[in-house]
Amino acid sequence: MPLAPTVLGINLWLLQAVVPLWLAQGQVPRWLLGSSPLPCLLLLLGMRFRRHLWAQVVLLVGFPMLLTLTDALGSLGIDRLSPQLAVLLKLSVFVGYLATTCHLLARESLPDDPLRLPVASWVTKPLDAPPSSRKLRRRAATHAMLQLLCVVMPGLLFFAICLHKPNVRQLLRMLGSPAKVTALQATLLAAATMLWASLFYFGVMRPLKLHIGHDAALRGELGRLRQASRRGKARPQLFVAMAVALAGMAALLFFGMGL
């Protein structure tokens, strides 16, 4: 058995179960005394069959849950059963147990499989990327132009409203006060930003998103229509037509035999 997780698990069992039961001095229910060895047995059983999934669940879930049975002693009002230092010691041992157990389970290999190849037999080498097609280069250039447009157009609007001196002088001549000019510039910037954001989203980004995603809504609708067509559910008109045809055939046979 592995040394570190087994020793930490036994120490955790002693701190969580054996020592509190010994300090209780006969004030513990008999069922709790009888169940005290179960966590240790469960720990040893899980360590022995740790390659199986159920044993891993026992080590990581079952063993810690059984140790919590001694929490029933809290109702007895014995303060010396859980001092602060003991709680910190239990917590540190529990964290160490979980860390070593998880490391052990992750390090150990799965059962031997003849279909598995050893890692040493793998040969890795970088693949030469094929040259980009003309379509991809044109698409990349379009995306670069859109990014440049995102920077140039807002910058041009900002320059025209706030930094272009003839425009600023004309606004000052019209309003007559620098404070009013500043307020009007802020309003114009906000309106231009909202207008540009709306135009860019509905004119560029939304069609581009549909193009890149191949219009997911349309593809989903086509898939639903395809599934509905594969069901082959007959319509009521088919049953009516079949009933009329059968009735007509029966009438022809009846009158034909009568003749």
Protein backbone atom coordinates (compact mmCIF):
# COMPACT_ATOMS: atom_id res chain seq x y z
CA MET A 1 0.00 0.00 0.00
CA PRO A 2 1.21 3.55 -0.61
CA LEU A 3 2.75 5.04 2.50
CA ALA A 4 1.77 8.72 2.48
CA PRO A 5 -2.01 8.52 1.88
CA THR A 6 -2.37 5.48 4.13
CA VAL A 7 -0.54 7.10 7.05
CA LEU A 8 -2.39 10.40 6.63
CA GLY A 9 -5.72 8.58 6.40
CA ILE A 10 -5.04 6.57 9.57
CA ASN A 11 -3.95 9.74 11.40
CA LEU A 12 -7.09 11.48 10.23
CA TRP A 13 -9.16 8.55 11.51
CA LEU A 14 -7.40 8.73 14.89
CA LEU A 15 -7.90 12.49 15.20
CA GLN A 16 -11.49 12.49 13.99
CA ALA A 17 -12.85 9.29 15.52
CA VAL A 18 -10.64 7.53 18.07
CA VAL A 19 -9.40 10.49 20.12
CA PRO A 20 -12.84 12.20 20.48
CA LEU A 21 -14.43 8.88 21.48
CA TRP A 22 -11.72 8.30 24.07
CA LEU A 23 -12.14 11.81 25.50
CA ALA A 24 -15.91 11.40 25.73
CA GLN A 25 -15.44 8.84 28.56
CA GLY A 26 -18.55 6.73 28.19
CA GLN A 27 -20.92 9.49 27.06
CA VAL A 28 -20.99 8.18 23.50
CA PRO A 29 -23.82 6.06 22.05
CA ARG A 30 -23.01 2.42 21.49
CA TRP A 31 -23.76 2.59 17.78
CA LEU A 32 -21.08 5.24 17.41
CA LEU A 33 -18.54 3.11 19.27
CA GLY A 34 -19.38 0.09 17.14
CA SER A 35 -19.04 2.03 13.89
CA SER A 36 -15.70 3.66 14.76
CA PRO A 37 -13.52 0.98 13.04
CA LEU A 38 -15.50 1.23 9.79
CA PRO A 39 -13.64 4.25 8.34
CA CYS A 40 -10.25 2.59 8.84
CA LEU A 41 -11.44 -0.64 7.22
CA LEU A 42 -12.92 1.34 4.35
CA LEU A 43 -9.64 3.19 3.91
CA LEU A 44 -7.59 -0.02 3.76
CA LEU A 45 -10.09 -1.62 1.38
CA GLY A 46 -10.00 1.40 -0.94
CA MET A 47 -6.19 1.48 -0.93
CA ARG A 48 -6.06 -2.22 -1.76
CA PHE A 49 -8.40 -1.95 -4.78
CA ARG A 50 -7.55 1.64 -5.74
CA ARG A 51 -7.36 0.82 -9.45
CA HIS A 52 -11.14 0.31 -9.58
CA LEU A 53 -13.59 3.16 -9.88
CA TRP A 54 -15.66 2.19 -6.84
CA ALA A 55 -12.51 2.14 -4.68
CA GLN A 56 -11.59 5.64 -5.83
CA VAL A 57 -15.07 6.84 -4.89
CA VAL A 58 -14.64 5.18 -1.49
CA LEU A 59 -11.30 6.90 -0.90
CA LEU A 60 -12.43 10.38 -1.94
CA VAL A 61 -16.07 10.33 -0.77
CA GLY A 62 -16.96 7.36 1.44
CA PHE A 63 -14.03 7.53 3.86
CA PRO A 64 -14.40 11.29 4.64
CA MET A 65 -18.17 10.95 5.00
CA LEU A 66 -17.87 8.11 7.54
CA LEU A 67 -15.47 10.22 9.59
CA THR A 68 -18.19 12.82 10.04
CA LEU A 69 -20.18 10.40 12.21
CA THR A 70 -18.29 11.65 15.25
CA ASP A 71 -19.87 15.09 14.74
CA ALA A 72 -22.80 13.68 16.72
CA LEU A 73 -20.65 14.28 19.81
CA GLY A 74 -21.20 17.98 19.41
CA SER A 75 -24.64 17.63 20.96
CA LEU A 76 -23.05 16.48 24.25
CA GLY A 77 -21.60 19.90 24.97
CA ILE A 78 -18.02 18.71 25.66
CA ASP A 79 -15.76 21.61 24.67
CA ARG A 80 -12.49 19.70 24.97
CA LEU A 81 -13.48 17.37 22.13
CA SER A 82 -12.90 20.04 19.46
CA PRO A 83 -10.46 22.77 20.55
CA GLN A 84 -9.31 25.27 17.94
CA LEU A 85 -5.84 23.77 17.61
CA ALA A 86 -7.31 20.30 17.07
CA VAL A 87 -9.61 21.61 14.36
CA LEU A 88 -6.68 23.18 12.53
CA LEU A 89 -4.68 19.96 12.88
CA LYS A 90 -7.58 17.88 11.52
CA LEU A 91 -8.04 20.27 8.62
CA SER A 92 -4.35 20.17 7.67
CA VAL A 93 -4.24 16.36 7.85
CA PHE A 94 -7.43 16.13 5.78
CA VAL A 95 -6.03 18.44 3.09
CA GLY A 96 -2.80 16.41 3.03
CA TYR A 97 -4.75 13.17 2.71
CA LEU A 98 -6.81 14.48 -0.21
CA ALA A 99 -3.72 15.87 -1.96
CA THR A 100 -1.67 12.68 -1.66
CA THR A 101 -4.61 10.44 -2.60
CA CYS A 102 -5.47 12.46 -5.68
CA HIS A 103 -1.81 12.54 -6.70
CA LEU A 104 -1.58 8.78 -6.25
CA LEU A 105 -4.71 8.06 -8.27
CA ALA A 106 -3.64 10.42 -11.05
CA ARG A 107 -0.11 9.02 -11.23
CA GLU A 108 -0.93 5.35 -11.38
CA SER A 109 -1.62 4.00 -14.83
CA LEU A 110 -4.76 2.21 -15.93
CA PRO A 111 -4.81 -1.60 -16.36
CA ASP A 112 -2.65 -2.88 -19.19
CA ASP A 113 -4.36 -2.61 -22.53
CA PRO A 114 -2.83 -4.31 -25.59
CA LEU A 115 -4.25 -1.58 -27.81
CA ARG A 116 -2.44 1.20 -25.96
CA LEU A 117 0.84 2.46 -27.37
CA PRO A 118 3.67 3.62 -25.14
CA VAL A 119 4.36 7.32 -25.23
CA ALA A 120 8.01 6.71 -26.07
CA SER A 121 6.99 5.17 -29.41
CA TRP A 122 5.30 8.35 -30.59
CA VAL A 123 7.18 10.52 -33.03
CA THR A 124 6.14 14.15 -33.19
CA LYS A 125 7.20 16.61 -35.82
CA PRO A 126 5.79 19.96 -36.88
CA LEU A 127 3.66 20.05 -39.98
CA ASP A 128 4.27 22.62 -42.65
CA ALA A 129 1.27 24.84 -42.98
CA PRO A 130 -0.11 24.90 -46.52
CA PRO A 131 -0.17 28.28 -48.23
CA SER A 132 -3.32 30.25 -47.76
CA SER A 133 -5.78 30.27 -50.59
CA ARG A 134 -6.78 33.41 -52.41
CA LYS A 135 -10.18 33.36 -50.74
CA LEU A 136 -8.66 33.25 -47.25
CA ARG A 137 -6.21 36.05 -48.08
CA ARG A 138 -9.06 38.20 -49.39
CA ARG A 139 -11.08 37.48 -46.24
CA ALA A 140 -8.13 38.37 -43.98
CA ALA A 141 -7.62 41.63 -45.90
CA THR A 142 -11.33 42.44 -45.49
CA HIS A 143 -11.14 41.87 -41.74
CA ALA A 144 -8.03 44.07 -41.51
CA MET A 145 -9.84 46.84 -43.40
CA LEU A 146 -12.79 46.57 -41.03
CA GLN A 147 -10.46 46.90 -38.04
CA LEU A 148 -8.85 49.93 -39.62
CA LEU A 149 -12.29 51.37 -40.25
CA CYS A 150 -13.15 50.93 -36.56
CA VAL A 151 -10.21 53.17 -35.68
CA VAL A 152 -10.28 55.71 -38.51
CA MET A 153 -13.96 56.65 -38.54
CA PRO A 154 -14.36 57.43 -34.80
CA GLY A 155 -11.01 59.26 -34.89
CA LEU A 156 -12.18 61.32 -37.85
CA LEU A 157 -15.41 62.25 -36.10
CA PHE A 158 -13.53 63.20 -32.94
CA PHE A 159 -11.10 65.34 -34.94
CA ALA A 160 -13.90 67.09 -36.82
CA ILE A 161 -15.84 67.93 -33.66
CA CYS A 162 -13.12 68.75 -31.14
CA LEU A 163 -9.77 69.39 -32.86
CA HIS A 164 -10.50 70.94 -36.24
CA LYS A 165 -9.85 74.64 -35.65
CA PRO A 166 -12.20 76.09 -38.31
CA ASN A 167 -15.08 74.04 -36.88
CA VAL A 168 -14.24 75.07 -33.32
CA ARG A 169 -14.04 78.76 -34.31
CA GLN A 170 -17.36 78.51 -36.11
CA LEU A 171 -19.00 76.95 -33.05
CA LEU A 172 -17.53 79.67 -30.83
CA ARG A 173 -18.80 82.36 -33.19
CA MET A 174 -22.29 80.82 -33.19
CA LEU A 175 -22.59 80.20 -29.44
CA GLY A 176 -20.39 82.99 -28.09
CA SER A 177 -19.20 81.10 -24.98
CA PRO A 178 -16.47 78.43 -24.54
CA ALA A 179 -18.62 76.61 -21.96
CA LYS A 180 -21.47 76.27 -24.44
CA VAL A 181 -19.03 75.09 -27.10
CA THR A 182 -17.71 72.40 -24.75
CA ALA A 183 -21.22 71.23 -23.89
CA LEU A 184 -22.20 71.11 -27.57
CA GLN A 185 -19.02 69.18 -28.43
CA ALA A 186 -19.79 66.60 -25.74
CA THR A 187 -23.34 66.21 -27.06
CA LEU A 188 -22.14 65.86 -30.64
CA LEU A 189 -19.55 63.26 -29.60
CA ALA A 190 -22.18 61.20 -27.78
CA ALA A 191 -24.58 61.37 -30.73
CA ALA A 192 -21.83 60.49 -33.22
CA THR A 193 -20.69 57.57 -31.08
CA MET A 194 -24.20 56.15 -30.83
CA LEU A 195 -24.81 56.64 -34.55
CA TRP A 196 -21.50 55.03 -35.54
CA ALA A 197 -21.99 52.10 -33.16
CA SER A 198 -25.47 51.41 -34.53
CA LEU A 199 -24.36 51.68 -38.16
CA PHE A 200 -21.31 49.51 -37.59
CA TYR A 201 -23.27 46.79 -35.81
CA PHE A 202 -26.18 46.55 -38.22
CA GLY A 203 -24.16 47.28 -41.35
CA VAL A 204 -20.96 45.33 -40.71
CA MET A 205 -20.82 43.13 -37.62
CA ARG A 206 -24.21 41.45 -37.88
CA PRO A 207 -23.81 40.37 -41.54
CA LEU A 208 -20.22 39.32 -40.79
CA LYS A 209 -21.34 37.29 -37.80
CA LEU A 210 -23.98 35.52 -39.87
CA HIS A 211 -21.41 34.85 -42.57
CA ILE A 212 -18.82 33.42 -40.17
CA GLY A 213 -21.39 31.30 -38.32
CA HIS A 214 -23.07 30.23 -41.56
CA ASP A 215 -26.36 31.66 -40.24
CA ALA A 216 -26.95 29.32 -37.28
CA ALA A 217 -30.65 30.23 -37.06
CA LEU A 218 -31.24 29.32 -40.70
CA ARG A 219 -29.29 26.07 -40.35
CA GLY A 220 -31.27 25.18 -37.23
CA GLU A 221 -34.56 25.82 -39.02
CA LEU A 222 -33.44 23.67 -41.97
CA GLY A 223 -32.47 20.90 -39.58
CA ARG A 224 -35.87 20.99 -37.91
CA LEU A 225 -37.61 20.87 -41.28
CA ARG A 226 -35.43 17.94 -42.33
CA GLN A 227 -36.27 16.04 -39.16
CA ALA A 228 -39.98 16.75 -39.64
CA SER A 229 -39.84 15.47 -43.21
CA ARG A 230 -38.14 12.25 -42.10
CA ARG A 231 -40.91 11.33 -39.70
CA GLY A 232 -43.23 10.27 -42.54
CA LYS A 233 -46.42 11.04 -40.64
CA ALA A 234 -49.43 10.61 -42.88
CA ARG A 235 -51.90 13.45 -43.23
CA PRO A 236 -55.68 13.01 -42.71
CA GLN A 237 -56.29 13.55 -46.44
CA LEU A 238 -54.46 10.30 -47.18
CA PHE A 239 -56.78 8.27 -44.96
CA VAL A 240 -59.86 9.93 -46.48
CA ALA A 241 -58.62 9.17 -50.00
CA MET A 242 -57.89 5.55 -49.08
CA ALA A 243 -61.35 5.13 -47.53
CA VAL A 244 -63.01 6.60 -50.63
CA ALA A 245 -60.95 4.33 -52.91
CA LEU A 246 -61.82 1.22 -50.91
CA ALA A 247 -65.50 2.15 -50.87
CA GLY A 248 -65.41 2.67 -54.63
CA MET A 249 -63.74 -0.69 -55.22
CA ALA A 250 -66.29 -2.41 -52.98
CA ALA A 251 -69.14 -0.74 -54.88
CA LEU A 252 -67.72 -1.81 -58.22
CA LEU A 253 -67.38 -5.38 -57.04
CA PHE A 254 -70.90 -5.43 -55.61
CA PHE A 255 -72.56 -4.02 -58.71
CA GLY A 256 -70.34 -6.12 -60.99
CA MET A 257 -71.38 -9.33 -59.22
CA GLY A 258 -75.02 -8.21 -59.35
CA LEU A 259 -74.87 -7.79 -63.10
